[in-house]
């Protein structure tokens, strides 16, 4: 279980470092600002 948790931590940090999660989060910021009031 500890080894599995370390592997998950490694791959998640790697995904964050690659930048795509950051880009997706930033695009959702723009969409949220436009759609918050209608929602």
ModelCIF file with pLDDT and N, C-alpha, C, O atoms, coordinates in Angstrom:
data_MODEL
#
_entry.id   MODEL 
#
_entity.id                         1 
_entity.type                       polymer 
_entity.pdbx_number_of_molecules   1 
#
_entity_poly.entity_id                      1 
_entity_poly.type                           'polypeptide(L)' 
_entity_poly.nstd_linkage                   no 
_entity_poly.nstd_monomer                   no 
_entity_poly.pdbx_seq_one_letter_code       
;(UNK)(UNK)(UNK)(UNK)(UNK)(UNK)(UNK)(UNK)(UNK)(UNK)(UNK)(UNK)(UNK)(UNK)(UNK)(UNK)
(UNK)(UNK)(UNK)(UNK)(UNK)(UNK)(UNK)(UNK)(UNK)(UNK)(UNK)(UNK)(UNK)(UNK)(UNK)(UNK)
(UNK)(UNK)(UNK)(UNK)(UNK)(UNK)(UNK)
;
_entity_poly.pdbx_seq_one_letter_code_can   XXXXXXXXXXXXXXXXXXXXXXXXXXXXXXXXXXXXXXX 
_entity_poly.pdbx_strand_id                 A 
#
loop_
_entity_poly_seq.entity_id 
_entity_poly_seq.num 
_entity_poly_seq.mon_id 
_entity_poly_seq.hetero 
1 1  UNK n 
1 2  UNK n 
1 3  UNK n 
1 4  UNK n 
1 5  UNK n 
1 6  UNK n 
1 7  UNK n 
1 8  UNK n 
1 9  UNK n 
1 10 UNK n 
1 11 UNK n 
1 12 UNK n 
1 13 UNK n 
1 14 UNK n 
1 15 UNK n 
1 16 UNK n 
1 17 UNK n 
1 18 UNK n 
1 19 UNK n 
1 20 UNK n 
1 21 UNK n 
1 22 UNK n 
1 23 UNK n 
1 24 UNK n 
1 25 UNK n 
1 26 UNK n 
1 27 UNK n 
1 28 UNK n 
1 29 UNK n 
1 30 UNK n 
1 31 UNK n 
1 32 UNK n 
1 33 UNK n 
1 34 UNK n 
1 35 UNK n 
1 36 UNK n 
1 37 UNK n 
1 38 UNK n 
1 39 UNK n 
#
_struct_asym.id          A 
_struct_asym.entity_id   1 
#
loop_
_ma_qa_metric.id 
_ma_qa_metric.mode 
_ma_qa_metric.name 
_ma_qa_metric.software_group_id 
_ma_qa_metric.type 
1 global pLDDT . pLDDT 
2 local  pLDDT . pLDDT 
#
_ma_qa_metric_global.metric_id      1 
_ma_qa_metric_global.metric_value   85.74 
_ma_qa_metric_global.model_id       1 
_ma_qa_metric_global.ordinal_id     1 
#
loop_
_ma_qa_metric_local.label_asym_id 
_ma_qa_metric_local.label_comp_id 
_ma_qa_metric_local.label_seq_id 
_ma_qa_metric_local.metric_id 
_ma_qa_metric_local.metric_value 
_ma_qa_metric_local.model_id 
_ma_qa_metric_local.ordinal_id 
A UNK 1  2 83.00 1 1  
A UNK 2  2 85.00 1 2  
A UNK 3  2 83.00 1 3  
A UNK 4  2 84.00 1 4  
A UNK 5  2 87.00 1 5  
A UNK 6  2 88.00 1 6  
A UNK 7  2 87.00 1 7  
A UNK 8  2 89.00 1 8  
A UNK 9  2 90.00 1 9  
A UNK 10 2 88.00 1 10 
A UNK 11 2 89.00 1 11 
A UNK 12 2 90.00 1 12 
A UNK 13 2 90.00 1 13 
A UNK 14 2 88.00 1 14 
A UNK 15 2 87.00 1 15 
A UNK 16 2 90.00 1 16 
A UNK 17 2 88.00 1 17 
A UNK 18 2 86.00 1 18 
A UNK 19 2 86.00 1 19 
A UNK 20 2 87.00 1 20 
A UNK 21 2 89.00 1 21 
A UNK 22 2 90.00 1 22 
A UNK 23 2 90.00 1 23 
A UNK 24 2 90.00 1 24 
A UNK 25 2 91.00 1 25 
A UNK 26 2 90.00 1 26 
A UNK 27 2 88.00 1 27 
A UNK 28 2 89.00 1 28 
A UNK 29 2 89.00 1 29 
A UNK 30 2 85.00 1 30 
A UNK 31 2 84.00 1 31 
A UNK 32 2 84.00 1 32 
A UNK 33 2 83.00 1 33 
A UNK 34 2 80.00 1 34 
A UNK 35 2 79.00 1 35 
A UNK 36 2 77.00 1 36 
A UNK 37 2 74.00 1 37 
A UNK 38 2 74.00 1 38 
A UNK 39 2 73.00 1 39 
#
loop_
_atom_site.group_PDB 
_atom_site.id 
_atom_site.type_symbol 
_atom_site.label_atom_id 
_atom_site.label_alt_id 
_atom_site.label_comp_id 
_atom_site.label_asym_id 
_atom_site.label_entity_id 
_atom_site.label_seq_id 
_atom_site.pdbx_PDB_ins_code 
_atom_site.Cartn_x 
_atom_site.Cartn_y 
_atom_site.Cartn_z 
_atom_site.occupancy 
_atom_site.B_iso_or_equiv 
_atom_site.pdbx_formal_charge 
_atom_site.auth_seq_id 
_atom_site.auth_comp_id 
_atom_site.auth_asym_id 
_atom_site.auth_atom_id 
_atom_site.pdbx_PDB_model_num 
ATOM 1   N N  . UNK A 1 1  ? 0.833   -1.205 0.000   1.00 83.00 ? 1  UNK A N  1 
ATOM 2   C CA . UNK A 1 1  ? 0.000   0.000  0.000   1.00 83.00 ? 1  UNK A CA 1 
ATOM 3   C C  . UNK A 1 1  ? 0.869   1.256  0.000   1.00 83.00 ? 1  UNK A C  1 
ATOM 4   O O  . UNK A 1 1  ? 0.568   2.219  -0.706  1.00 83.00 ? 1  UNK A O  1 
ATOM 5   N N  . UNK A 1 2  ? 1.952   1.251  0.795   1.00 85.00 ? 2  UNK A N  1 
ATOM 6   C CA . UNK A 1 2  ? 2.856   2.397  0.828   1.00 85.00 ? 2  UNK A CA 1 
ATOM 7   C C  . UNK A 1 2  ? 3.541   2.593  -0.519  1.00 85.00 ? 2  UNK A C  1 
ATOM 8   O O  . UNK A 1 2  ? 3.683   3.723  -0.988  1.00 85.00 ? 2  UNK A O  1 
ATOM 9   N N  . UNK A 1 3  ? 3.965   1.499  -1.140  1.00 83.00 ? 3  UNK A N  1 
ATOM 10  C CA . UNK A 1 3  ? 4.600   1.594  -2.454  1.00 83.00 ? 3  UNK A CA 1 
ATOM 11  C C  . UNK A 1 3  ? 3.621   2.142  -3.491  1.00 83.00 ? 3  UNK A C  1 
ATOM 12  O O  . UNK A 1 3  ? 3.989   2.970  -4.323  1.00 83.00 ? 3  UNK A O  1 
ATOM 13  N N  . UNK A 1 4  ? 2.363   1.670  -3.435  1.00 84.00 ? 4  UNK A N  1 
ATOM 14  C CA . UNK A 1 4  ? 1.354   2.189  -4.354  1.00 84.00 ? 4  UNK A CA 1 
ATOM 15  C C  . UNK A 1 4  ? 1.105   3.671  -4.155  1.00 84.00 ? 4  UNK A C  1 
ATOM 16  O O  . UNK A 1 4  ? 0.939   4.410  -5.126  1.00 84.00 ? 4  UNK A O  1 
ATOM 17  N N  . UNK A 1 5  ? 1.077   4.119  -2.883  1.00 87.00 ? 5  UNK A N  1 
ATOM 18  C CA . UNK A 1 5  ? 0.874   5.539  -2.607  1.00 87.00 ? 5  UNK A CA 1 
ATOM 19  C C  . UNK A 1 5  ? 2.042   6.371  -3.132  1.00 87.00 ? 5  UNK A C  1 
ATOM 20  O O  . UNK A 1 5  ? 1.832   7.456  -3.674  1.00 87.00 ? 5  UNK A O  1 
ATOM 21  N N  . UNK A 1 6  ? 3.269   5.876  -2.976  1.00 88.00 ? 6  UNK A N  1 
ATOM 22  C CA . UNK A 1 6  ? 4.440   6.600  -3.486  1.00 88.00 ? 6  UNK A CA 1 
ATOM 23  C C  . UNK A 1 6  ? 4.410   6.679  -5.012  1.00 88.00 ? 6  UNK A C  1 
ATOM 24  O O  . UNK A 1 6  ? 4.767   7.708  -5.587  1.00 88.00 ? 6  UNK A O  1 
ATOM 25  N N  . UNK A 1 7  ? 3.990   5.609  -5.663  1.00 87.00 ? 7  UNK A N  1 
ATOM 26  C CA . UNK A 1 7  ? 3.904   5.637  -7.123  1.00 87.00 ? 7  UNK A CA 1 
ATOM 27  C C  . UNK A 1 7  ? 2.844   6.638  -7.593  1.00 87.00 ? 7  UNK A C  1 
ATOM 28  O O  . UNK A 1 7  ? 3.060   7.376  -8.554  1.00 87.00 ? 7  UNK A O  1 
ATOM 29  N N  . UNK A 1 8  ? 1.695   6.654  -6.905  1.00 89.00 ? 8  UNK A N  1 
ATOM 30  C CA . UNK A 1 8  ? 0.659   7.630  -7.266  1.00 89.00 ? 8  UNK A CA 1 
ATOM 31  C C  . UNK A 1 8  ? 1.174   9.049  -7.070  1.00 89.00 ? 8  UNK A C  1 
ATOM 32  O O  . UNK A 1 8  ? 0.953   9.919  -7.912  1.00 89.00 ? 8  UNK A O  1 
ATOM 33  N N  . UNK A 1 9  ? 1.871   9.281  -5.939  1.00 90.00 ? 9  UNK A N  1 
ATOM 34  C CA . UNK A 1 9  ? 2.438   10.603 -5.691  1.00 90.00 ? 9  UNK A CA 1 
ATOM 35  C C  . UNK A 1 9  ? 3.408   10.991 -6.794  1.00 90.00 ? 9  UNK A C  1 
ATOM 36  O O  . UNK A 1 9  ? 3.403   12.135 -7.248  1.00 90.00 ? 9  UNK A O  1 
ATOM 37  N N  . UNK A 1 10 ? 4.243   10.051 -7.232  1.00 88.00 ? 10 UNK A N  1 
ATOM 38  C CA . UNK A 1 10 ? 5.234   10.328 -8.278  1.00 88.00 ? 10 UNK A CA 1 
ATOM 39  C C  . UNK A 1 10 ? 4.552   10.718 -9.585  1.00 88.00 ? 10 UNK A C  1 
ATOM 40  O O  . UNK A 1 10 ? 4.905   11.731 -10.189 1.00 88.00 ? 10 UNK A O  1 
ATOM 41  N N  . UNK A 1 11 ? 3.570   9.916  -10.031 1.00 89.00 ? 11 UNK A N  1 
ATOM 42  C CA . UNK A 1 11 ? 2.964   10.168 -11.340 1.00 89.00 ? 11 UNK A CA 1 
ATOM 43  C C  . UNK A 1 11 ? 2.099   11.427 -11.318 1.00 89.00 ? 11 UNK A C  1 
ATOM 44  O O  . UNK A 1 11 ? 2.001   12.121 -12.329 1.00 89.00 ? 11 UNK A O  1 
ATOM 45  N N  . UNK A 1 12 ? 1.469   11.731 -10.179 1.00 90.00 ? 12 UNK A N  1 
ATOM 46  C CA . UNK A 1 12 ? 0.660   12.956 -10.098 1.00 90.00 ? 12 UNK A CA 1 
ATOM 47  C C  . UNK A 1 12 ? 1.555   14.193 -10.144 1.00 90.00 ? 12 UNK A C  1 
ATOM 48  O O  . UNK A 1 12 ? 1.246   15.164 -10.835 1.00 90.00 ? 12 UNK A O  1 
ATOM 49  N N  . UNK A 1 13 ? 2.670   14.154 -9.403  1.00 90.00 ? 13 UNK A N  1 
ATOM 50  C CA . UNK A 1 13 ? 3.618   15.280 -9.454  1.00 90.00 ? 13 UNK A CA 1 
ATOM 51  C C  . UNK A 1 13 ? 4.176   15.433 -10.862 1.00 90.00 ? 13 UNK A C  1 
ATOM 52  O O  . UNK A 1 13 ? 4.358   16.552 -11.341 1.00 90.00 ? 13 UNK A O  1 
ATOM 53  N N  . UNK A 1 14 ? 4.453   14.295 -11.536 1.00 88.00 ? 14 UNK A N  1 
ATOM 54  C CA . UNK A 1 14 ? 4.941   14.357 -12.912 1.00 88.00 ? 14 UNK A CA 1 
ATOM 55  C C  . UNK A 1 14 ? 3.906   14.998 -13.833 1.00 88.00 ? 14 UNK A C  1 
ATOM 56  O O  . UNK A 1 14 ? 4.256   15.806 -14.693 1.00 88.00 ? 14 UNK A O  1 
ATOM 57  N N  . UNK A 1 15 ? 2.635   14.642 -13.658 1.00 87.00 ? 15 UNK A N  1 
ATOM 58  C CA . UNK A 1 15 ? 1.585   15.232 -14.490 1.00 87.00 ? 15 UNK A CA 1 
ATOM 59  C C  . UNK A 1 15 ? 1.465   16.735 -14.252 1.00 87.00 ? 15 UNK A C  1 
ATOM 60  O O  . UNK A 1 15 ? 1.251   17.504 -15.189 1.00 87.00 ? 15 UNK A O  1 
ATOM 61  N N  . UNK A 1 16 ? 1.606   17.149 -12.991 1.00 90.00 ? 16 UNK A N  1 
ATOM 62  C CA . UNK A 1 16 ? 1.542   18.588 -12.694 1.00 90.00 ? 16 UNK A CA 1 
ATOM 63  C C  . UNK A 1 16 ? 2.719   19.303 -13.334 1.00 90.00 ? 16 UNK A C  1 
ATOM 64  O O  . UNK A 1 16 ? 2.561   20.388 -13.893 1.00 90.00 ? 16 UNK A O  1 
ATOM 65  N N  . UNK A 1 17 ? 3.911   18.694 -13.253 1.00 88.00 ? 17 UNK A N  1 
ATOM 66  C CA . UNK A 1 17 ? 5.106   19.319 -13.826 1.00 88.00 ? 17 UNK A CA 1 
ATOM 67  C C  . UNK A 1 17 ? 5.010   19.442 -15.346 1.00 88.00 ? 17 UNK A C  1 
ATOM 68  O O  . UNK A 1 17 ? 5.565   20.374 -15.927 1.00 88.00 ? 17 UNK A O  1 
ATOM 69  N N  . UNK A 1 18 ? 4.307   18.506 -15.995 1.00 86.00 ? 18 UNK A N  1 
ATOM 70  C CA . UNK A 1 18 ? 4.160   18.579 -17.444 1.00 86.00 ? 18 UNK A CA 1 
ATOM 71  C C  . UNK A 1 18 ? 3.291   19.755 -17.869 1.00 86.00 ? 18 UNK A C  1 
ATOM 72  O O  . UNK A 1 18 ? 3.396   20.212 -19.007 1.00 86.00 ? 18 UNK A O  1 
ATOM 73  N N  . UNK A 1 19 ? 2.432   20.255 -16.980 1.00 86.00 ? 19 UNK A N  1 
ATOM 74  C CA . UNK A 1 19 ? 1.737   21.501 -17.236 1.00 86.00 ? 19 UNK A CA 1 
ATOM 75  C C  . UNK A 1 19 ? 0.315   21.399 -17.741 1.00 86.00 ? 19 UNK A C  1 
ATOM 76  O O  . UNK A 1 19 ? -0.395  22.405 -17.754 1.00 86.00 ? 19 UNK A O  1 
ATOM 77  N N  . UNK A 1 20 ? -0.136  20.210 -18.163 1.00 87.00 ? 20 UNK A N  1 
ATOM 78  C CA . UNK A 1 20 ? -1.469  20.119 -18.737 1.00 87.00 ? 20 UNK A CA 1 
ATOM 79  C C  . UNK A 1 20 ? -2.560  20.321 -17.693 1.00 87.00 ? 20 UNK A C  1 
ATOM 80  O O  . UNK A 1 20 ? -3.587  20.926 -17.998 1.00 87.00 ? 20 UNK A O  1 
ATOM 81  N N  . UNK A 1 21 ? -2.365  19.832 -16.469 1.00 89.00 ? 21 UNK A N  1 
ATOM 82  C CA . UNK A 1 21 ? -3.357  20.074 -15.422 1.00 89.00 ? 21 UNK A CA 1 
ATOM 83  C C  . UNK A 1 21 ? -3.476  21.564 -15.125 1.00 89.00 ? 21 UNK A C  1 
ATOM 84  O O  . UNK A 1 21 ? -4.573  22.070 -14.888 1.00 89.00 ? 21 UNK A O  1 
ATOM 85  N N  . UNK A 1 22 ? -2.334  22.270 -15.139 1.00 90.00 ? 22 UNK A N  1 
ATOM 86  C CA . UNK A 1 22 ? -2.380  23.720 -14.913 1.00 90.00 ? 22 UNK A CA 1 
ATOM 87  C C  . UNK A 1 22 ? -3.153  24.421 -16.024 1.00 90.00 ? 22 UNK A C  1 
ATOM 88  O O  . UNK A 1 22 ? -3.958  25.313 -15.758 1.00 90.00 ? 22 UNK A O  1 
ATOM 89  N N  . UNK A 1 23 ? -2.906  24.015 -17.271 1.00 90.00 ? 23 UNK A N  1 
ATOM 90  C CA . UNK A 1 23 ? -3.610  24.637 -18.399 1.00 90.00 ? 23 UNK A CA 1 
ATOM 91  C C  . UNK A 1 23 ? -5.110  24.371 -18.311 1.00 90.00 ? 23 UNK A C  1 
ATOM 92  O O  . UNK A 1 23 ? -5.912  25.272 -18.557 1.00 90.00 ? 23 UNK A O  1 
ATOM 93  N N  . UNK A 1 24 ? -5.494  23.152 -17.966 1.00 90.00 ? 24 UNK A N  1 
ATOM 94  C CA . UNK A 1 24 ? -6.914  22.834 -17.834 1.00 90.00 ? 24 UNK A CA 1 
ATOM 95  C C  . UNK A 1 24 ? -7.558  23.667 -16.725 1.00 90.00 ? 24 UNK A C  1 
ATOM 96  O O  . UNK A 1 24 ? -8.671  24.167 -16.883 1.00 90.00 ? 24 UNK A O  1 
ATOM 97  N N  . UNK A 1 25 ? -6.852  23.810 -15.606 1.00 91.00 ? 25 UNK A N  1 
ATOM 98  C CA . UNK A 1 25 ? -7.391  24.609 -14.500 1.00 91.00 ? 25 UNK A CA 1 
ATOM 99  C C  . UNK A 1 25 ? -7.548  26.069 -14.908 1.00 91.00 ? 25 UNK A C  1 
ATOM 100 O O  . UNK A 1 25 ? -8.545  26.705 -14.564 1.00 91.00 ? 25 UNK A O  1 
ATOM 101 N N  . UNK A 1 26 ? -6.565  26.608 -15.645 1.00 90.00 ? 26 UNK A N  1 
ATOM 102 C CA . UNK A 1 26 ? -6.655  28.007 -16.078 1.00 90.00 ? 26 UNK A CA 1 
ATOM 103 C C  . UNK A 1 26 ? -7.795  28.222 -17.068 1.00 90.00 ? 26 UNK A C  1 
ATOM 104 O O  . UNK A 1 26 ? -8.464  29.255 -17.031 1.00 90.00 ? 26 UNK A O  1 
ATOM 105 N N  . UNK A 1 27 ? -8.021  27.242 -17.961 1.00 88.00 ? 27 UNK A N  1 
ATOM 106 C CA . UNK A 1 27 ? -9.143  27.385 -18.898 1.00 88.00 ? 27 UNK A CA 1 
ATOM 107 C C  . UNK A 1 27 ? -10.479 27.348 -18.167 1.00 88.00 ? 27 UNK A C  1 
ATOM 108 O O  . UNK A 1 27 ? -11.425 28.024 -18.569 1.00 88.00 ? 27 UNK A O  1 
ATOM 109 N N  . UNK A 1 28 ? -10.561 26.561 -17.095 1.00 89.00 ? 28 UNK A N  1 
ATOM 110 C CA . UNK A 1 28 ? -11.792 26.493 -16.321 1.00 89.00 ? 28 UNK A CA 1 
ATOM 111 C C  . UNK A 1 28 ? -12.032 27.786 -15.541 1.00 89.00 ? 28 UNK A C  1 
ATOM 112 O O  . UNK A 1 28 ? -13.180 28.134 -15.266 1.00 89.00 ? 28 UNK A O  1 
ATOM 113 N N  . UNK A 1 29 ? -10.974 28.495 -15.185 1.00 89.00 ? 29 UNK A N  1 
ATOM 114 C CA . UNK A 1 29 ? -11.136 29.795 -14.526 1.00 89.00 ? 29 UNK A CA 1 
ATOM 115 C C  . UNK A 1 29 ? -11.891 30.752 -15.448 1.00 89.00 ? 29 UNK A C  1 
ATOM 116 O O  . UNK A 1 29 ? -12.844 31.409 -15.030 1.00 89.00 ? 29 UNK A O  1 
ATOM 117 N N  . UNK A 1 30 ? -11.455 30.822 -16.704 1.00 85.00 ? 30 UNK A N  1 
ATOM 118 C CA . UNK A 1 30 ? -12.098 31.709 -17.679 1.00 85.00 ? 30 UNK A CA 1 
ATOM 119 C C  . UNK A 1 30 ? -13.561 31.316 -17.880 1.00 85.00 ? 30 UNK A C  1 
ATOM 120 O O  . UNK A 1 30 ? -14.441 32.177 -17.902 1.00 85.00 ? 30 UNK A O  1 
ATOM 121 N N  . UNK A 1 31 ? -13.819 30.018 -18.025 1.00 84.00 ? 31 UNK A N  1 
ATOM 122 C CA . UNK A 1 31 ? -15.188 29.553 -18.232 1.00 84.00 ? 31 UNK A CA 1 
ATOM 123 C C  . UNK A 1 31 ? -16.047 29.818 -17.003 1.00 84.00 ? 31 UNK A C  1 
ATOM 124 O O  . UNK A 1 31 ? -17.219 30.171 -17.133 1.00 84.00 ? 31 UNK A O  1 
ATOM 125 N N  . UNK A 1 32 ? -15.478 29.651 -15.812 1.00 84.00 ? 32 UNK A N  1 
ATOM 126 C CA . UNK A 1 32 ? -16.228 29.890 -14.578 1.00 84.00 ? 32 UNK A CA 1 
ATOM 127 C C  . UNK A 1 32 ? -16.638 31.346 -14.456 1.00 84.00 ? 32 UNK A C  1 
ATOM 128 O O  . UNK A 1 32 ? -17.770 31.643 -14.073 1.00 84.00 ? 32 UNK A O  1 
ATOM 129 N N  . UNK A 1 33 ? -15.726 32.259 -14.778 1.00 83.00 ? 33 UNK A N  1 
ATOM 130 C CA . UNK A 1 33 ? -16.052 33.687 -14.676 1.00 83.00 ? 33 UNK A CA 1 
ATOM 131 C C  . UNK A 1 33 ? -17.194 34.057 -15.612 1.00 83.00 ? 33 UNK A C  1 
ATOM 132 O O  . UNK A 1 33 ? -18.029 34.896 -15.276 1.00 83.00 ? 33 UNK A O  1 
ATOM 133 N N  . UNK A 1 34 ? -17.232 33.430 -16.791 1.00 80.00 ? 34 UNK A N  1 
ATOM 134 C CA . UNK A 1 34 ? -18.295 33.736 -17.750 1.00 80.00 ? 34 UNK A CA 1 
ATOM 135 C C  . UNK A 1 34 ? -19.616 33.088 -17.371 1.00 80.00 ? 34 UNK A C  1 
ATOM 136 O O  . UNK A 1 34 ? -20.678 33.635 -17.669 1.00 80.00 ? 34 UNK A O  1 
ATOM 137 N N  . UNK A 1 35 ? -19.568 31.927 -16.716 1.00 79.00 ? 35 UNK A N  1 
ATOM 138 C CA . UNK A 1 35 ? -20.782 31.132 -16.531 1.00 79.00 ? 35 UNK A CA 1 
ATOM 139 C C  . UNK A 1 35 ? -21.286 31.111 -15.102 1.00 79.00 ? 35 UNK A C  1 
ATOM 140 O O  . UNK A 1 35 ? -22.346 30.541 -14.845 1.00 79.00 ? 35 UNK A O  1 
ATOM 141 N N  . UNK A 1 36 ? -20.570 31.712 -14.160 1.00 77.00 ? 36 UNK A N  1 
ATOM 142 C CA . UNK A 1 36 ? -20.974 31.620 -12.761 1.00 77.00 ? 36 UNK A CA 1 
ATOM 143 C C  . UNK A 1 36 ? -22.342 32.246 -12.517 1.00 77.00 ? 36 UNK A C  1 
ATOM 144 O O  . UNK A 1 36 ? -23.200 31.644 -11.871 1.00 77.00 ? 36 UNK A O  1 
ATOM 145 N N  . UNK A 1 37 ? -22.544 33.456 -13.036 1.00 74.00 ? 37 UNK A N  1 
ATOM 146 C CA . UNK A 1 37 ? -23.814 34.144 -12.791 1.00 74.00 ? 37 UNK A CA 1 
ATOM 147 C C  . UNK A 1 37 ? -24.981 33.396 -13.439 1.00 74.00 ? 37 UNK A C  1 
ATOM 148 O O  . UNK A 1 37 ? -25.992 33.185 -12.768 1.00 74.00 ? 37 UNK A O  1 
ATOM 149 N N  . UNK A 1 38 ? -24.893 32.977 -14.732 1.00 74.00 ? 38 UNK A N  1 
ATOM 150 C CA . UNK A 1 38 ? -26.004 32.183 -15.282 1.00 74.00 ? 38 UNK A CA 1 
ATOM 151 C C  . UNK A 1 38 ? -26.272 30.888 -14.514 1.00 74.00 ? 38 UNK A C  1 
ATOM 152 O O  . UNK A 1 38 ? -27.428 30.509 -14.325 1.00 74.00 ? 38 UNK A O  1 
ATOM 153 N N  . UNK A 1 39 ? -25.213 30.208 -14.070 1.00 73.00 ? 39 UNK A N  1 
ATOM 154 C CA . UNK A 1 39 ? -25.387 28.974 -13.308 1.00 73.00 ? 39 UNK A CA 1 
ATOM 155 C C  . UNK A 1 39 ? -26.132 29.239 -12.001 1.00 73.00 ? 39 UNK A C  1 
ATOM 156 O O  . UNK A 1 39 ? -26.370 28.311 -11.227 1.00 73.00 ? 39 UNK A O  1 
#
